[in-house]
Amino acid sequence: MAISRYAFTSLVKQGSLKGTSMACTRIRRAISQNKLQYTTTFLRERQRLDHIAANIYGHSSLWWIIAAASNIGWGLQVPPGTILKVPSDLGEILNLMR
């Protein structure tokens, strides 16, 4: 099940996406308010967020969920040793979007 980080963003100016996805904002807010269950891990050498997402969620395209929860702007420039917050339940993520 792939969830796009753009699925819940308003379209403006002839259908092009502008601004930050509401999905990421909602995930960050839920993490900061302790309303979203997550585990914490450290990024290891040669690991990437898409690899972790594939292992945990079964799909590498869900890397953005880990990035949003961990307050990471760009998932490809995360150094080893970074503390990651990994949401435990994709159902909770979907509920945030409703």
C-alpha atoms as a PDB file:
ATOM      1  CA  MET A   1       0.000   0.000   0.000  1.00  0.00           C
ATOM      2  CA  ALA A   2       1.622   3.216  -1.133  1.00  0.00           C
ATOM      3  CA  ILE A   3       0.539   6.495   0.400  1.00  0.00           C
ATOM      4  CA  SER A   4       1.623   9.602  -1.461  1.00  0.00           C
ATOM      5  CA  ARG A   5       2.760  12.563   0.591  1.00  0.00           C
ATOM      6  CA  TYR A   6       0.993  14.737  -1.989  1.00  0.00           C
ATOM      7  CA  ALA A   7      -2.366  12.966  -1.823  1.00  0.00           C
ATOM      8  CA  PHE A   8      -3.705  15.411   0.763  1.00  0.00           C
ATOM      9  CA  THR A   9      -2.216  18.654  -0.579  1.00  0.00           C
ATOM     10  CA  SER A  10      -4.429  21.216  -2.253  1.00  0.00           C
ATOM     11  CA  LEU A  11      -3.830  21.853  -5.935  1.00  0.00           C
ATOM     12  CA  VAL A  12      -3.353  25.441  -7.000  1.00  0.00           C
ATOM     13  CA  LYS A  13      -2.321  27.305 -10.145  1.00  0.00           C
ATOM     14  CA  GLN A  14      -3.501  25.001 -12.912  1.00  0.00           C
ATOM     15  CA  GLY A  15      -3.016  21.755 -10.996  1.00  0.00           C
ATOM     16  CA  SER A  16       0.596  22.174  -9.876  1.00  0.00           C
ATOM     17  CA  LEU A  17       1.486  21.448  -6.252  1.00  0.00           C
ATOM     18  CA  LYS A  18       2.647  24.373  -4.153  1.00  0.00           C
ATOM     19  CA  GLY A  19       3.892  24.526  -0.579  1.00  0.00           C
ATOM     20  CA  THR A  20       4.421  21.789   1.976  1.00  0.00           C
ATOM     21  CA  SER A  21       2.312  18.686   2.014  1.00  0.00           C
ATOM     22  CA  MET A  22      -0.318  18.658   4.744  1.00  0.00           C
ATOM     23  CA  ALA A  23       0.500  14.985   5.323  1.00  0.00           C
ATOM     24  CA  CYS A  24       4.001  15.841   6.550  1.00  0.00           C
ATOM     25  CA  THR A  25       2.714  18.683   8.717  1.00  0.00           C
ATOM     26  CA  ARG A  26       0.115  16.440  10.327  1.00  0.00           C
ATOM     27  CA  ILE A  27       2.652  13.693  11.022  1.00  0.00           C
ATOM     28  CA  ARG A  28       5.077  16.156  12.639  1.00  0.00           C
ATOM     29  CA  ARG A  29       2.306  17.637  14.775  1.00  0.00           C
ATOM     30  CA  ALA A  30       1.070  14.192  15.895  1.00  0.00           C
ATOM     31  CA  ILE A  31       4.621  13.160  16.844  1.00  0.00           C
ATOM     32  CA  SER A  32       5.193  16.350  18.843  1.00  0.00           C
ATOM     33  CA  GLN A  33       1.860  15.888  20.664  1.00  0.00           C
ATOM     34  CA  ASN A  34       2.521  12.175  21.357  1.00  0.00           C
ATOM     35  CA  LYS A  35      -0.563  11.181  19.351  1.00  0.00           C
ATOM     36  CA  LEU A  36       1.300   8.824  17.024  1.00  0.00           C
ATOM     37  CA  GLN A  37       3.027   5.622  18.099  1.00  0.00           C
ATOM     38  CA  TYR A  38       6.612   5.264  16.887  1.00  0.00           C
ATOM     39  CA  THR A  39       9.874   3.507  17.570  1.00  0.00           C
ATOM     40  CA  THR A  40      13.249   5.190  17.689  1.00  0.00           C
ATOM     41  CA  THR A  41      16.353   3.974  15.889  1.00  0.00           C
ATOM     42  CA  PHE A  42      19.694   5.323  14.715  1.00  0.00           C
ATOM     43  CA  LEU A  43      20.563   5.564  11.042  1.00  0.00           C
ATOM     44  CA  ARG A  44      23.567   3.352  10.371  1.00  0.00           C
ATOM     45  CA  GLU A  45      26.334   3.723   7.819  1.00  0.00           C
ATOM     46  CA  ARG A  46      25.084   2.957   4.263  1.00  0.00           C
ATOM     47  CA  GLN A  47      21.435   2.933   5.383  1.00  0.00           C
ATOM     48  CA  ARG A  48      18.861   5.142   3.711  1.00  0.00           C
ATOM     49  CA  LEU A  49      15.321   6.070   4.668  1.00  0.00           C
ATOM     50  CA  ASP A  50      13.894   4.241   1.660  1.00  0.00           C
ATOM     51  CA  HIS A  51      15.655   1.040   2.758  1.00  0.00           C
ATOM     52  CA  ILE A  52      14.195   1.340   6.252  1.00  0.00           C
ATOM     53  CA  ALA A  53      10.715   2.059   4.844  1.00  0.00           C
ATOM     54  CA  ALA A  54      10.930  -1.008   2.604  1.00  0.00           C
ATOM     55  CA  ASN A  55      11.868  -3.199   5.572  1.00  0.00           C
ATOM     56  CA  ILE A  56       9.240  -1.810   7.930  1.00  0.00           C
ATOM     57  CA  TYR A  57       6.343  -0.875   5.666  1.00  0.00           C
ATOM     58  CA  GLY A  58       7.015  -3.146   2.700  1.00  0.00           C
ATOM     59  CA  HIS A  59       7.421  -0.246   0.270  1.00  0.00           C
ATOM     60  CA  SER A  60      10.426   2.033  -0.205  1.00  0.00           C
ATOM     61  CA  SER A  61       8.313   4.963  -1.444  1.00  0.00           C
ATOM     62  CA  LEU A  62       7.060   5.498   2.121  1.00  0.00           C
ATOM     63  CA  TRP A  63      10.436   6.934   3.213  1.00  0.00           C
ATOM     64  CA  TRP A  64       8.784  10.344   3.540  1.00  0.00           C
ATOM     65  CA  ILE A  65       6.757   9.150   6.549  1.00  0.00           C
ATOM     66  CA  ILE A  66       9.970   8.488   8.484  1.00  0.00           C
ATOM     67  CA  ALA A  67      11.417  11.805   7.282  1.00  0.00           C
ATOM     68  CA  ALA A  68       8.317  13.729   8.393  1.00  0.00           C
ATOM     69  CA  ALA A  69       8.182  12.024  11.792  1.00  0.00           C
ATOM     70  CA  SER A  70      11.900  12.641  12.323  1.00  0.00           C
ATOM     71  CA  ASN A  71      11.698  16.280  11.149  1.00  0.00           C
ATOM     72  CA  ILE A  72      14.048  15.602   8.231  1.00  0.00           C
ATOM     73  CA  GLY A  73      13.669  17.815   5.188  1.00  0.00           C
ATOM     74  CA  TRP A  74      15.540  15.829   2.537  1.00  0.00           C
ATOM     75  CA  GLY A  75      15.838  12.081   3.036  1.00  0.00           C
ATOM     76  CA  LEU A  76      18.939  11.556   0.901  1.00  0.00           C
ATOM     77  CA  GLN A  77      21.169  13.793   2.986  1.00  0.00           C
ATOM     78  CA  VAL A  78      20.761  12.195   6.391  1.00  0.00           C
ATOM     79  CA  PRO A  79      24.091  11.399   8.096  1.00  0.00           C
ATOM     80  CA  PRO A  80      24.745   8.168   9.980  1.00  0.00           C
ATOM     81  CA  GLY A  81      23.903   8.449  13.660  1.00  0.00           C
ATOM     82  CA  THR A  82      20.750  10.504  13.058  1.00  0.00           C
ATOM     83  CA  ILE A  83      17.957   9.529  15.438  1.00  0.00           C
ATOM     84  CA  LEU A  84      14.910   8.405  13.479  1.00  0.00           C
ATOM     85  CA  LYS A  85      11.333   8.260  14.674  1.00  0.00           C
ATOM     86  CA  VAL A  86       9.585   5.487  12.777  1.00  0.00           C
ATOM     87  CA  PRO A  87       5.767   5.457  13.025  1.00  0.00           C
ATOM     88  CA  SER A  88       4.619   1.958  13.908  1.00  0.00           C
ATOM     89  CA  ASP A  89       1.190   1.821  12.257  1.00  0.00           C
ATOM     90  CA  LEU A  90       0.347   2.972   8.734  1.00  0.00           C
ATOM     91  CA  GLY A  91      -3.321   2.922   9.730  1.00  0.00           C
ATOM     92  CA  GLU A  92      -2.608   5.741  12.183  1.00  0.00           C
ATOM     93  CA  ILE A  93      -0.969   7.720   9.372  1.00  0.00           C
ATOM     94  CA  LEU A  94      -4.060   7.275   7.195  1.00  0.00           C
ATOM     95  CA  ASN A  95      -6.301   8.385  10.065  1.00  0.00           C
ATOM     96  CA  LEU A  96      -4.285  11.597  10.376  1.00  0.00           C
ATOM     97  CA  MET A  97      -5.092  12.404   6.775  1.00  0.00           C
ATOM     98  CA  ARG A  98      -8.866  12.253   7.204  1.00  0.00           C
END
